[in-house]
């Protein structure tokens, strides 16, 4: 059920979106839903960030995996245990751009049934890098459909992505690395029993959603004829808030677009919000300088206390009758 329900949901959404190819319905799937998805994404993201910023962090709790700054003759792990703000920035860049913590992740396995061996999950790291970086490049490449004239950096990136110049239309490297990385991540959830055991529908749904977006985009670019001019007219109209729905756009595109809209609206509600949450995580964005800087608990306000002596004075007779030891006996007892 954790697999079939998300798969059926994504397939159903894609088929629903294909109805946009019917004359008269394109306005709903090509204008109303995209605007609603962007509003949901921006509103949900802002609400999520505001909720995080209101969370109290009374002391520093950075996750560390190296030597803290100590005596001068002890080498400090500057990125694993940052001490200054500059070191924190370096650690964050390595995390965001290269998934350093994922590369350092290890898995345990039994060899010959009796020897425990730890190894780096290099394939998990590589698949994650392929999928995330390819997705970023694909999103930037799609700017050519949304703005006119096309910025120079988009043209440069598109040329670099298709520098092999194989086929017509030109094959983009990211078209394959994106799908390849997604396929491996999905295969890992199927093949590894421990990962499959803890995987829920919420883990499979975004993978199937991204896979549906990638496959439909791949099919439109390489396997069927797509009216790119009409699609660009629709996209430019949306970005300039003067929407038009030209005729001739296939239902395949509207199915692709609906999956993208669902993904945008789903991001703030799911684990995918880590794309901006990582910057607000106190386990990542704080320097571990507790030995050098005194951090005063902001919650350390005066509190009315009830001492043991006061407690005993209040309940002494009852304690004596119950046989509970007391520190002193009153003279009249």
C-alpha atoms as a PDB file:
ATOM      1  CA  UNK A   1       0.000   0.000   0.000  1.00  0.00           C
ATOM      2  CA  UNK A   2       2.867   2.405   0.744  1.00  0.00           C
ATOM      3  CA  UNK A   3       4.052   1.918  -2.832  1.00  0.00           C
ATOM      4  CA  UNK A   4       0.899   1.383  -4.877  1.00  0.00           C
ATOM      5  CA  UNK A   5      -1.127   4.275  -3.446  1.00  0.00           C
ATOM      6  CA  UNK A   6       1.486   6.973  -4.259  1.00  0.00           C
ATOM      7  CA  UNK A   7       2.098   5.396  -7.674  1.00  0.00           C
ATOM      8  CA  UNK A   8      -1.617   5.357  -8.452  1.00  0.00           C
ATOM      9  CA  UNK A   9      -1.966   8.939  -7.202  1.00  0.00           C
ATOM     10  CA  UNK A  10       0.792  10.211  -9.489  1.00  0.00           C
ATOM     11  CA  UNK A  11      -0.575   8.276 -12.466  1.00  0.00           C
ATOM     12  CA  UNK A  12      -4.068   9.607 -11.768  1.00  0.00           C
ATOM     13  CA  UNK A  13      -2.812  13.181 -11.507  1.00  0.00           C
ATOM     14  CA  UNK A  14      -1.000  12.869 -14.817  1.00  0.00           C
ATOM     15  CA  UNK A  15      -4.068  11.483 -16.571  1.00  0.00           C
ATOM     16  CA  UNK A  16      -6.165  14.240 -15.025  1.00  0.00           C
ATOM     17  CA  UNK A  17      -3.765  16.852 -16.313  1.00  0.00           C
ATOM     18  CA  UNK A  18      -3.977  15.465 -19.833  1.00  0.00           C
ATOM     19  CA  UNK A  19      -7.578  16.696 -19.902  1.00  0.00           C
ATOM     20  CA  UNK A  20      -6.092  20.158 -20.348  1.00  0.00           C
ATOM     21  CA  UNK A  21      -5.622  19.317 -24.012  1.00  0.00           C
ATOM     22  CA  UNK A  22      -9.402  19.409 -24.475  1.00  0.00           C
ATOM     23  CA  UNK A  23     -10.460  22.776 -25.946  1.00  0.00           C
ATOM     24  CA  UNK A  24     -11.888  25.095 -23.310  1.00  0.00           C
ATOM     25  CA  UNK A  25     -10.210  23.375 -20.339  1.00  0.00           C
ATOM     26  CA  UNK A  26      -6.659  24.579 -20.968  1.00  0.00           C
ATOM     27  CA  UNK A  27      -7.281  27.765 -18.979  1.00  0.00           C
ATOM     28  CA  UNK A  28      -7.826  25.750 -15.779  1.00  0.00           C
ATOM     29  CA  UNK A  29      -4.726  23.568 -16.136  1.00  0.00           C
ATOM     30  CA  UNK A  30      -2.529  26.171 -17.828  1.00  0.00           C
ATOM     31  CA  UNK A  31      -3.323  29.299 -15.803  1.00  0.00           C
ATOM     32  CA  UNK A  32      -5.435  28.787 -12.676  1.00  0.00           C
ATOM     33  CA  UNK A  33      -3.592  25.778 -11.250  1.00  0.00           C
ATOM     34  CA  UNK A  34      -0.063  27.118 -11.910  1.00  0.00           C
ATOM     35  CA  UNK A  35      -0.884  30.396 -10.142  1.00  0.00           C
ATOM     36  CA  UNK A  36      -2.517  28.502  -7.270  1.00  0.00           C
ATOM     37  CA  UNK A  37       0.531  26.231  -6.969  1.00  0.00           C
ATOM     38  CA  UNK A  38       2.950  29.171  -6.830  1.00  0.00           C
ATOM     39  CA  UNK A  39       0.819  30.900  -4.186  1.00  0.00           C
ATOM     40  CA  UNK A  40       0.677  27.679  -2.144  1.00  0.00           C
ATOM     41  CA  UNK A  41       4.429  27.232  -2.466  1.00  0.00           C
ATOM     42  CA  UNK A  42       5.299  30.794  -1.448  1.00  0.00           C
ATOM     43  CA  UNK A  43       2.692  30.972   1.313  1.00  0.00           C
ATOM     44  CA  UNK A  44       3.567  27.555   2.710  1.00  0.00           C
ATOM     45  CA  UNK A  45       7.290  28.242   2.570  1.00  0.00           C
ATOM     46  CA  UNK A  46       6.952  31.589   4.359  1.00  0.00           C
ATOM     47  CA  UNK A  47       4.697  30.047   7.017  1.00  0.00           C
ATOM     48  CA  UNK A  48       7.143  27.167   7.533  1.00  0.00           C
ATOM     49  CA  UNK A  49      10.117  29.510   7.846  1.00  0.00           C
ATOM     50  CA  UNK A  50       8.266  31.798  10.265  1.00  0.00           C
ATOM     51  CA  UNK A  51       7.404  28.786  12.402  1.00  0.00           C
ATOM     52  CA  UNK A  52      11.052  27.727  12.479  1.00  0.00           C
ATOM     53  CA  UNK A  53      12.273  31.212  13.351  1.00  0.00           C
ATOM     54  CA  UNK A  54       9.901  31.282  16.348  1.00  0.00           C
ATOM     55  CA  UNK A  55      11.436  28.083  17.746  1.00  0.00           C
ATOM     56  CA  UNK A  56      13.601  28.839  20.771  1.00  0.00           C
ATOM     57  CA  UNK A  57      17.234  27.752  20.711  1.00  0.00           C
ATOM     58  CA  UNK A  58      18.478  28.546  24.248  1.00  0.00           C
ATOM     59  CA  UNK A  59      21.911  27.005  23.720  1.00  0.00           C
ATOM     60  CA  UNK A  60      24.151  25.906  20.880  1.00  0.00           C
ATOM     61  CA  UNK A  61      23.514  22.393  19.586  1.00  0.00           C
ATOM     62  CA  UNK A  62      25.682  21.973  16.481  1.00  0.00           C
ATOM     63  CA  UNK A  63      26.173  18.425  15.265  1.00  0.00           C
ATOM     64  CA  UNK A  64      29.890  17.735  15.281  1.00  0.00           C
ATOM     65  CA  UNK A  65      32.092  14.860  14.203  1.00  0.00           C
ATOM     66  CA  UNK A  66      35.592  16.145  14.821  1.00  0.00           C
ATOM     67  CA  UNK A  67      37.949  17.725  17.343  1.00  0.00           C
ATOM     68  CA  UNK A  68      36.640  20.897  18.975  1.00  0.00           C
ATOM     69  CA  UNK A  69      38.902  23.952  19.220  1.00  0.00           C
ATOM     70  CA  UNK A  70      40.875  23.490  22.401  1.00  0.00           C
ATOM     71  CA  UNK A  71      44.546  23.876  23.214  1.00  0.00           C
ATOM     72  CA  UNK A  72      46.858  25.377  20.599  1.00  0.00           C
ATOM     73  CA  UNK A  73      48.800  22.152  20.081  1.00  0.00           C
ATOM     74  CA  UNK A  74      45.634  20.126  19.372  1.00  0.00           C
ATOM     75  CA  UNK A  75      44.490  20.282  15.751  1.00  0.00           C
ATOM     76  CA  UNK A  76      40.904  21.402  15.313  1.00  0.00           C
ATOM     77  CA  UNK A  77      38.514  19.983  12.697  1.00  0.00           C
ATOM     78  CA  UNK A  78      37.517  23.316  11.216  1.00  0.00           C
ATOM     79  CA  UNK A  79      34.592  22.063   9.113  1.00  0.00           C
ATOM     80  CA  UNK A  80      33.478  19.137  11.259  1.00  0.00           C
ATOM     81  CA  UNK A  81      33.540  21.268  14.400  1.00  0.00           C
ATOM     82  CA  UNK A  82      33.450  24.959  13.360  1.00  0.00           C
ATOM     83  CA  UNK A  83      34.512  27.608  15.836  1.00  0.00           C
ATOM     84  CA  UNK A  84      34.019  30.820  13.856  1.00  0.00           C
ATOM     85  CA  UNK A  85      31.269  32.123  11.601  1.00  0.00           C
ATOM     86  CA  UNK A  86      33.521  31.769   8.556  1.00  0.00           C
ATOM     87  CA  UNK A  87      34.074  28.096   9.348  1.00  0.00           C
ATOM     88  CA  UNK A  88      30.317  27.649   9.690  1.00  0.00           C
ATOM     89  CA  UNK A  89      29.834  29.161   6.225  1.00  0.00           C
ATOM     90  CA  UNK A  90      32.429  26.763   4.814  1.00  0.00           C
ATOM     91  CA  UNK A  91      30.693  23.834   6.463  1.00  0.00           C
ATOM     92  CA  UNK A  92      27.302  24.932   5.109  1.00  0.00           C
ATOM     93  CA  UNK A  93      28.672  25.323   1.585  1.00  0.00           C
ATOM     94  CA  UNK A  94      30.143  21.820   1.677  1.00  0.00           C
ATOM     95  CA  UNK A  95      26.822  20.500   2.968  1.00  0.00           C
ATOM     96  CA  UNK A  96      24.544  22.318   0.533  1.00  0.00           C
ATOM     97  CA  UNK A  97      26.689  21.975  -2.583  1.00  0.00           C
ATOM     98  CA  UNK A  98      28.344  18.591  -2.046  1.00  0.00           C
ATOM     99  CA  UNK A  99      26.209  16.760   0.579  1.00  0.00           C
ATOM    100  CA  UNK A 100      29.255  16.197   2.764  1.00  0.00           C
ATOM    101  CA  UNK A 101      27.367  14.579   5.634  1.00  0.00           C
ATOM    102  CA  UNK A 102      25.805  12.091   3.217  1.00  0.00           C
ATOM    103  CA  UNK A 103      29.240  11.250   1.814  1.00  0.00           C
ATOM    104  CA  UNK A 104      30.449  10.589   5.371  1.00  0.00           C
ATOM    105  CA  UNK A 105      27.471   8.345   6.072  1.00  0.00           C
ATOM    106  CA  UNK A 106      28.394   4.721   6.669  1.00  0.00           C
ATOM    107  CA  UNK A 107      26.486   1.469   6.610  1.00  0.00           C
ATOM    108  CA  UNK A 108      27.203  -1.729   8.512  1.00  0.00           C
ATOM    109  CA  UNK A 109      27.133  -5.147   6.899  1.00  0.00           C
ATOM    110  CA  UNK A 110      28.145  -8.665   7.840  1.00  0.00           C
ATOM    111  CA  UNK A 111      30.885 -10.303   5.789  1.00  0.00           C
ATOM    112  CA  UNK A 112      31.090 -14.102   5.754  1.00  0.00           C
ATOM    113  CA  UNK A 113      28.352 -14.106   8.365  1.00  0.00           C
ATOM    114  CA  UNK A 114      30.721 -13.246  11.205  1.00  0.00           C
ATOM    115  CA  UNK A 115      32.623 -10.043  10.475  1.00  0.00           C
ATOM    116  CA  UNK A 116      31.026  -6.593  10.847  1.00  0.00           C
ATOM    117  CA  UNK A 117      32.278  -4.163   8.225  1.00  0.00           C
ATOM    118  CA  UNK A 118      31.527  -0.441   7.889  1.00  0.00           C
ATOM    119  CA  UNK A 119      31.630   1.159   4.464  1.00  0.00           C
ATOM    120  CA  UNK A 120      30.768   4.500   2.874  1.00  0.00           C
ATOM    121  CA  UNK A 121      27.492   4.605   0.969  1.00  0.00           C
ATOM    122  CA  UNK A 122      29.189   6.115  -2.052  1.00  0.00           C
ATOM    123  CA  UNK A 123      26.407   5.120  -4.461  1.00  0.00           C
ATOM    124  CA  UNK A 124      23.747   6.803  -2.338  1.00  0.00           C
ATOM    125  CA  UNK A 125      25.824   9.981  -2.269  1.00  0.00           C
ATOM    126  CA  UNK A 126      26.479   9.831  -6.012  1.00  0.00           C
ATOM    127  CA  UNK A 127      22.795   9.263  -6.857  1.00  0.00           C
ATOM    128  CA  UNK A 128      21.768  12.127  -4.575  1.00  0.00           C
ATOM    129  CA  UNK A 129      24.304  14.451  -6.194  1.00  0.00           C
ATOM    130  CA  UNK A 130      23.204  13.436  -9.688  1.00  0.00           C
ATOM    131  CA  UNK A 131      19.522  13.957  -8.971  1.00  0.00           C
ATOM    132  CA  UNK A 132      19.792  17.272  -7.114  1.00  0.00           C
ATOM    133  CA  UNK A 133      22.335  18.946  -9.381  1.00  0.00           C
ATOM    134  CA  UNK A 134      20.552  17.742 -12.507  1.00  0.00           C
ATOM    135  CA  UNK A 135      17.242  19.070 -11.179  1.00  0.00           C
ATOM    136  CA  UNK A 136      18.843  22.467 -10.558  1.00  0.00           C
ATOM    137  CA  UNK A 137      20.252  22.589 -14.088  1.00  0.00           C
ATOM    138  CA  UNK A 138      16.921  21.498 -15.591  1.00  0.00           C
ATOM    139  CA  UNK A 139      15.041  24.195 -13.667  1.00  0.00           C
ATOM    140  CA  UNK A 140      17.505  26.879 -14.797  1.00  0.00           C
ATOM    141  CA  UNK A 141      17.306  25.635 -18.396  1.00  0.00           C
ATOM    142  CA  UNK A 142      13.529  25.999 -18.291  1.00  0.00           C
ATOM    143  CA  UNK A 143      13.942  29.740 -17.759  1.00  0.00           C
ATOM    144  CA  UNK A 144      14.363  29.988 -21.528  1.00  0.00           C
ATOM    145  CA  UNK A 145      10.644  29.212 -21.779  1.00  0.00           C
ATOM    146  CA  UNK A 146       9.618  31.835 -19.223  1.00  0.00           C
ATOM    147  CA  UNK A 147      11.572  34.965 -20.113  1.00  0.00           C
ATOM    148  CA  UNK A 148      12.231  36.854 -23.297  1.00  0.00           C
ATOM    149  CA  UNK A 149      15.008  37.584 -24.154  1.00  0.00           C
ATOM    150  CA  UNK A 150      16.790  34.543 -22.735  1.00  0.00           C
ATOM    151  CA  UNK A 151      19.544  35.493 -20.223  1.00  0.00           C
ATOM    152  CA  UNK A 152      23.103  34.731 -21.233  1.00  0.00           C
ATOM    153  CA  UNK A 153      23.800  32.403 -18.299  1.00  0.00           C
ATOM    154  CA  UNK A 154      20.830  30.231 -19.312  1.00  0.00           C
ATOM    155  CA  UNK A 155      22.152  29.972 -22.867  1.00  0.00           C
ATOM    156  CA  UNK A 156      25.633  29.122 -21.559  1.00  0.00           C
ATOM    157  CA  UNK A 157      24.295  26.454 -19.192  1.00  0.00           C
ATOM    158  CA  UNK A 158      22.161  24.956 -21.948  1.00  0.00           C
ATOM    159  CA  UNK A 159      25.173  24.778 -24.221  1.00  0.00           C
ATOM    160  CA  UNK A 160      27.283  23.145 -21.527  1.00  0.00           C
ATOM    161  CA  UNK A 161      24.549  20.626 -20.760  1.00  0.00           C
ATOM    162  CA  UNK A 162      24.277  19.638 -24.420  1.00  0.00           C
ATOM    163  CA  UNK A 163      27.943  19.961 -25.386  1.00  0.00           C
ATOM    164  CA  UNK A 164      28.047  16.379 -26.675  1.00  0.00           C
ATOM    165  CA  UNK A 165      25.696  17.490 -29.485  1.00  0.00           C
ATOM    166  CA  UNK A 166      24.291  14.009 -29.975  1.00  0.00           C
ATOM    167  CA  UNK A 167      21.020  13.588 -31.834  1.00  0.00           C
ATOM    168  CA  UNK A 168      18.397  16.053 -32.948  1.00  0.00           C
ATOM    169  CA  UNK A 169      17.078  17.567 -30.790  1.00  0.00           C
ATOM    170  CA  UNK A 170      20.342  17.656 -28.867  1.00  0.00           C
ATOM    171  CA  UNK A 171      20.492  15.261 -25.924  1.00  0.00           C
ATOM    172  CA  UNK A 172      21.033  16.999 -22.605  1.00  0.00           C
ATOM    173  CA  UNK A 173      23.240  15.187 -20.119  1.00  0.00           C
ATOM    174  CA  UNK A 174      20.959  16.118 -17.223  1.00  0.00           C
ATOM    175  CA  UNK A 175      17.996  14.418 -18.922  1.00  0.00           C
ATOM    176  CA  UNK A 176      19.709  11.112 -18.193  1.00  0.00           C
ATOM    177  CA  UNK A 177      21.512  11.876 -14.928  1.00  0.00           C
ATOM    178  CA  UNK A 178      18.287  13.168 -13.350  1.00  0.00           C
ATOM    179  CA  UNK A 179      16.335  10.039 -14.255  1.00  0.00           C
ATOM    180  CA  UNK A 180      19.301   7.810 -13.418  1.00  0.00           C
ATOM    181  CA  UNK A 181      19.721   9.300  -9.940  1.00  0.00           C
ATOM    182  CA  UNK A 182      15.983   9.022  -9.255  1.00  0.00           C
ATOM    183  CA  UNK A 183      15.898   5.428 -10.476  1.00  0.00           C
ATOM    184  CA  UNK A 184      18.731   4.428  -8.129  1.00  0.00           C
ATOM    185  CA  UNK A 185      17.127   6.170  -5.127  1.00  0.00           C
ATOM    186  CA  UNK A 186      13.857   4.383  -5.859  1.00  0.00           C
ATOM    187  CA  UNK A 187      15.609   1.049  -6.413  1.00  0.00           C
ATOM    188  CA  UNK A 188      17.373   1.446  -3.059  1.00  0.00           C
ATOM    189  CA  UNK A 189      14.022   1.734  -1.282  1.00  0.00           C
ATOM    190  CA  UNK A 190      12.816  -1.407  -3.045  1.00  0.00           C
ATOM    191  CA  UNK A 191      15.966  -3.519  -2.744  1.00  0.00           C
ATOM    192  CA  UNK A 192      17.207  -2.843   0.804  1.00  0.00           C
ATOM    193  CA  UNK A 193      14.914  -4.514   3.294  1.00  0.00           C
ATOM    194  CA  UNK A 194      15.729  -2.153   6.178  1.00  0.00           C
ATOM    195  CA  UNK A 195      15.077   0.944   4.066  1.00  0.00           C
ATOM    196  CA  UNK A 196      11.901  -0.601   2.632  1.00  0.00           C
ATOM    197  CA  UNK A 197      10.666  -1.375   6.148  1.00  0.00           C
ATOM    198  CA  UNK A 198      10.863   2.247   7.306  1.00  0.00           C
ATOM    199  CA  UNK A 199       9.650   3.788   4.024  1.00  0.00           C
ATOM    200  CA  UNK A 200       6.167   5.268   4.107  1.00  0.00           C
ATOM    201  CA  UNK A 201       3.857   6.539   1.384  1.00  0.00           C
ATOM    202  CA  UNK A 202       5.222  10.036   2.021  1.00  0.00           C
ATOM    203  CA  UNK A 203       8.673   8.774   1.048  1.00  0.00           C
ATOM    204  CA  UNK A 204       7.561   7.203  -2.230  1.00  0.00           C
ATOM    205  CA  UNK A 205       5.183   9.943  -3.376  1.00  0.00           C
ATOM    206  CA  UNK A 206       7.818  12.648  -4.091  1.00  0.00           C
ATOM    207  CA  UNK A 207      10.033  10.088  -5.843  1.00  0.00           C
ATOM    208  CA  UNK A 208       7.175   8.975  -8.101  1.00  0.00           C
ATOM    209  CA  UNK A 209       6.191  12.610  -8.629  1.00  0.00           C
ATOM    210  CA  UNK A 210       9.698  13.620  -9.711  1.00  0.00           C
ATOM    211  CA  UNK A 211       9.979  10.500 -11.839  1.00  0.00           C
ATOM    212  CA  UNK A 212       6.676  11.324 -13.546  1.00  0.00           C
ATOM    213  CA  UNK A 213       7.852  14.867 -14.249  1.00  0.00           C
ATOM    214  CA  UNK A 214      11.168  13.629 -15.615  1.00  0.00           C
ATOM    215  CA  UNK A 215       9.690  10.889 -17.801  1.00  0.00           C
ATOM    216  CA  UNK A 216       6.973  13.118 -19.260  1.00  0.00           C
ATOM    217  CA  UNK A 217       9.522  15.845 -19.981  1.00  0.00           C
ATOM    218  CA  UNK A 218      11.865  13.301 -21.575  1.00  0.00           C
ATOM    219  CA  UNK A 219       9.041  11.971 -23.736  1.00  0.00           C
ATOM    220  CA  UNK A 220       8.027  15.458 -24.881  1.00  0.00           C
ATOM    221  CA  UNK A 221      11.558  16.438 -25.834  1.00  0.00           C
ATOM    222  CA  UNK A 222      12.899  13.296 -27.454  1.00  0.00           C
ATOM    223  CA  UNK A 223      10.031  11.011 -28.439  1.00  0.00           C
ATOM    224  CA  UNK A 224       7.175  13.180 -29.671  1.00  0.00           C
ATOM    225  CA  UNK A 225       6.559  16.469 -31.418  1.00  0.00           C
ATOM    226  CA  UNK A 226       5.857  19.350 -29.030  1.00  0.00           C
ATOM    227  CA  UNK A 227       4.756  22.862 -29.957  1.00  0.00           C
ATOM    228  CA  UNK A 228       7.519  24.674 -28.070  1.00  0.00           C
ATOM    229  CA  UNK A 229       6.479  28.079 -29.432  1.00  0.00           C
ATOM    230  CA  UNK A 230       2.966  27.761 -27.963  1.00  0.00           C
ATOM    231  CA  UNK A 231       4.346  26.512 -24.655  1.00  0.00           C
ATOM    232  CA  UNK A 232       6.700  29.486 -24.461  1.00  0.00           C
ATOM    233  CA  UNK A 233       3.829  31.838 -25.238  1.00  0.00           C
ATOM    234  CA  UNK A 234       1.878  30.321 -22.351  1.00  0.00           C
ATOM    235  CA  UNK A 235       4.870  30.455 -19.965  1.00  0.00           C
ATOM    236  CA  UNK A 236       5.838  34.039 -20.841  1.00  0.00           C
ATOM    237  CA  UNK A 237       2.220  35.105 -20.372  1.00  0.00           C
ATOM    238  CA  UNK A 238       2.182  33.542 -16.912  1.00  0.00           C
ATOM    239  CA  UNK A 239       5.434  35.199 -15.807  1.00  0.00           C
ATOM    240  CA  UNK A 240       4.281  38.605 -17.111  1.00  0.00           C
ATOM    241  CA  UNK A 241       0.816  38.244 -15.497  1.00  0.00           C
ATOM    242  CA  UNK A 242      -0.900  38.492 -18.871  1.00  0.00           C
ATOM    243  CA  UNK A 243      -1.886  34.840 -19.357  1.00  0.00           C
ATOM    244  CA  UNK A 244      -2.971  33.471 -22.695  1.00  0.00           C
ATOM    245  CA  UNK A 245      -3.739  29.866 -23.605  1.00  0.00           C
ATOM    246  CA  UNK A 246      -2.722  29.244 -27.208  1.00  0.00           C
ATOM    247  CA  UNK A 247      -4.210  26.323 -29.064  1.00  0.00           C
ATOM    248  CA  UNK A 248      -2.269  23.309 -30.194  1.00  0.00           C
ATOM    249  CA  UNK A 249      -0.685  22.412 -26.830  1.00  0.00           C
ATOM    250  CA  UNK A 250      -0.929  18.678 -26.261  1.00  0.00           C
ATOM    251  CA  UNK A 251      -2.468  17.012 -23.241  1.00  0.00           C
ATOM    252  CA  UNK A 252       0.930  15.483 -22.483  1.00  0.00           C
ATOM    253  CA  UNK A 253       2.264  18.928 -21.633  1.00  0.00           C
ATOM    254  CA  UNK A 254      -0.675  19.684 -19.340  1.00  0.00           C
ATOM    255  CA  UNK A 255      -0.120  16.371 -17.544  1.00  0.00           C
ATOM    256  CA  UNK A 256       3.535  17.327 -17.095  1.00  0.00           C
ATOM    257  CA  UNK A 257       2.540  20.795 -15.882  1.00  0.00           C
ATOM    258  CA  UNK A 258       0.016  19.464 -13.366  1.00  0.00           C
ATOM    259  CA  UNK A 259       2.670  17.233 -11.794  1.00  0.00           C
ATOM    260  CA  UNK A 260       4.951  20.260 -11.493  1.00  0.00           C
ATOM    261  CA  UNK A 261       2.140  22.236  -9.834  1.00  0.00           C
ATOM    262  CA  UNK A 262       1.477  19.433  -7.359  1.00  0.00           C
ATOM    263  CA  UNK A 263       5.191  19.266  -6.557  1.00  0.00           C
ATOM    264  CA  UNK A 264       5.350  23.003  -5.872  1.00  0.00           C
ATOM    265  CA  UNK A 265       2.332  22.918  -3.568  1.00  0.00           C
ATOM    266  CA  UNK A 266       3.600  19.753  -1.848  1.00  0.00           C
ATOM    267  CA  UNK A 267       7.114  20.998  -1.010  1.00  0.00           C
ATOM    268  CA  UNK A 268       6.252  23.127   2.076  1.00  0.00           C
ATOM    269  CA  UNK A 269       4.134  20.307   3.512  1.00  0.00           C
ATOM    270  CA  UNK A 270       6.723  17.538   3.198  1.00  0.00           C
ATOM    271  CA  UNK A 271      10.293  16.510   3.818  1.00  0.00           C
ATOM    272  CA  UNK A 272      11.211  18.298   0.609  1.00  0.00           C
ATOM    273  CA  UNK A 273      11.202  21.506   2.666  1.00  0.00           C
ATOM    274  CA  UNK A 274      14.766  20.565   3.636  1.00  0.00           C
ATOM    275  CA  UNK A 275      15.784  22.575   0.554  1.00  0.00           C
ATOM    276  CA  UNK A 276      15.432  25.745   2.637  1.00  0.00           C
ATOM    277  CA  UNK A 277      15.214  24.248   6.125  1.00  0.00           C
ATOM    278  CA  UNK A 278      18.890  23.263   6.093  1.00  0.00           C
ATOM    279  CA  UNK A 279      19.858  26.943   6.345  1.00  0.00           C
ATOM    280  CA  UNK A 280      17.805  27.355   9.546  1.00  0.00           C
ATOM    281  CA  UNK A 281      18.892  24.175  11.287  1.00  0.00           C
ATOM    282  CA  UNK A 282      20.650  24.993  14.603  1.00  0.00           C
ATOM    283  CA  UNK A 283      22.573  21.735  14.306  1.00  0.00           C
ATOM    284  CA  UNK A 284      24.228  23.118  11.150  1.00  0.00           C
ATOM    285  CA  UNK A 285      24.319  26.923  11.292  1.00  0.00           C
ATOM    286  CA  UNK A 286      25.877  27.420  14.746  1.00  0.00           C
ATOM    287  CA  UNK A 287      29.523  27.576  15.755  1.00  0.00           C
ATOM    288  CA  UNK A 288      30.621  25.253  18.519  1.00  0.00           C
ATOM    289  CA  UNK A 289      32.368  27.847  20.727  1.00  0.00           C
ATOM    290  CA  UNK A 290      30.919  26.889  24.111  1.00  0.00           C
ATOM    291  CA  UNK A 291      34.387  26.610  25.656  1.00  0.00           C
ATOM    292  CA  UNK A 292      35.321  30.155  24.672  1.00  0.00           C
ATOM    293  CA  UNK A 293      32.038  32.044  24.928  1.00  0.00           C
ATOM    294  CA  UNK A 294      29.619  31.989  27.844  1.00  0.00           C
ATOM    295  CA  UNK A 295      26.066  31.487  26.628  1.00  0.00           C
ATOM    296  CA  UNK A 296      23.437  32.634  29.106  1.00  0.00           C
ATOM    297  CA  UNK A 297      20.136  30.816  29.015  1.00  0.00           C
ATOM    298  CA  UNK A 298      17.499  33.405  27.982  1.00  0.00           C
ATOM    299  CA  UNK A 299      14.924  31.439  29.953  1.00  0.00           C
ATOM    300  CA  UNK A 300      16.886  31.830  33.216  1.00  0.00           C
ATOM    301  CA  UNK A 301      14.410  34.176  34.898  1.00  0.00           C
ATOM    302  CA  UNK A 302      13.755  34.354  38.704  1.00  0.00           C
ATOM    303  CA  UNK A 303      11.665  31.409  39.858  1.00  0.00           C
ATOM    304  CA  UNK A 304       9.781  31.040  43.162  1.00  0.00           C
ATOM    305  CA  UNK A 305      11.218  27.971  44.871  1.00  0.00           C
ATOM    306  CA  UNK A 306       9.915  25.768  47.669  1.00  0.00           C
ATOM    307  CA  UNK A 307      12.888  24.548  49.712  1.00  0.00           C
ATOM    308  CA  UNK A 308      13.020  21.204  51.485  1.00  0.00           C
ATOM    309  CA  UNK A 309      13.010  22.915  54.881  1.00  0.00           C
ATOM    310  CA  UNK A 310       9.798  24.724  53.954  1.00  0.00           C
ATOM    311  CA  UNK A 311       8.352  21.468  52.622  1.00  0.00           C
ATOM    312  CA  UNK A 312       9.231  19.639  55.859  1.00  0.00           C
ATOM    313  CA  UNK A 313       7.844  22.413  58.051  1.00  0.00           C
ATOM    314  CA  UNK A 314       4.591  22.197  56.111  1.00  0.00           C
ATOM    315  CA  UNK A 315       4.218  18.411  56.237  1.00  0.00           C
ATOM    316  CA  UNK A 316       6.295  17.351  59.258  1.00  0.00           C
ATOM    317  CA  UNK A 317       3.459  15.917  61.362  1.00  0.00           C
ATOM    318  CA  UNK A 318       2.094  13.900  58.462  1.00  0.00           C
ATOM    319  CA  UNK A 319       5.592  12.633  57.606  1.00  0.00           C
ATOM    320  CA  UNK A 320       6.194  11.492  61.195  1.00  0.00           C
ATOM    321  CA  UNK A 321       2.854   9.698  61.382  1.00  0.00           C
ATOM    322  CA  UNK A 322       3.607   7.982  58.081  1.00  0.00           C
ATOM    323  CA  UNK A 323       7.049   6.920  59.282  1.00  0.00           C
ATOM    324  CA  UNK A 324       8.914   9.114  56.810  1.00  0.00           C
ATOM    325  CA  UNK A 325      12.302  10.238  58.208  1.00  0.00           C
ATOM    326  CA  UNK A 326      12.566  13.952  58.994  1.00  0.00           C
ATOM    327  CA  UNK A 327      15.690  15.989  59.577  1.00  0.00           C
ATOM    328  CA  UNK A 328      14.510  17.492  62.874  1.00  0.00           C
ATOM    329  CA  UNK A 329      11.751  16.837  65.382  1.00  0.00           C
ATOM    330  CA  UNK A 330       9.694  19.642  66.831  1.00  0.00           C
ATOM    331  CA  UNK A 331       9.841  19.894  70.595  1.00  0.00           C
ATOM    332  CA  UNK A 332       6.094  19.542  71.025  1.00  0.00           C
ATOM    333  CA  UNK A 333       5.862  16.289  69.067  1.00  0.00           C
END
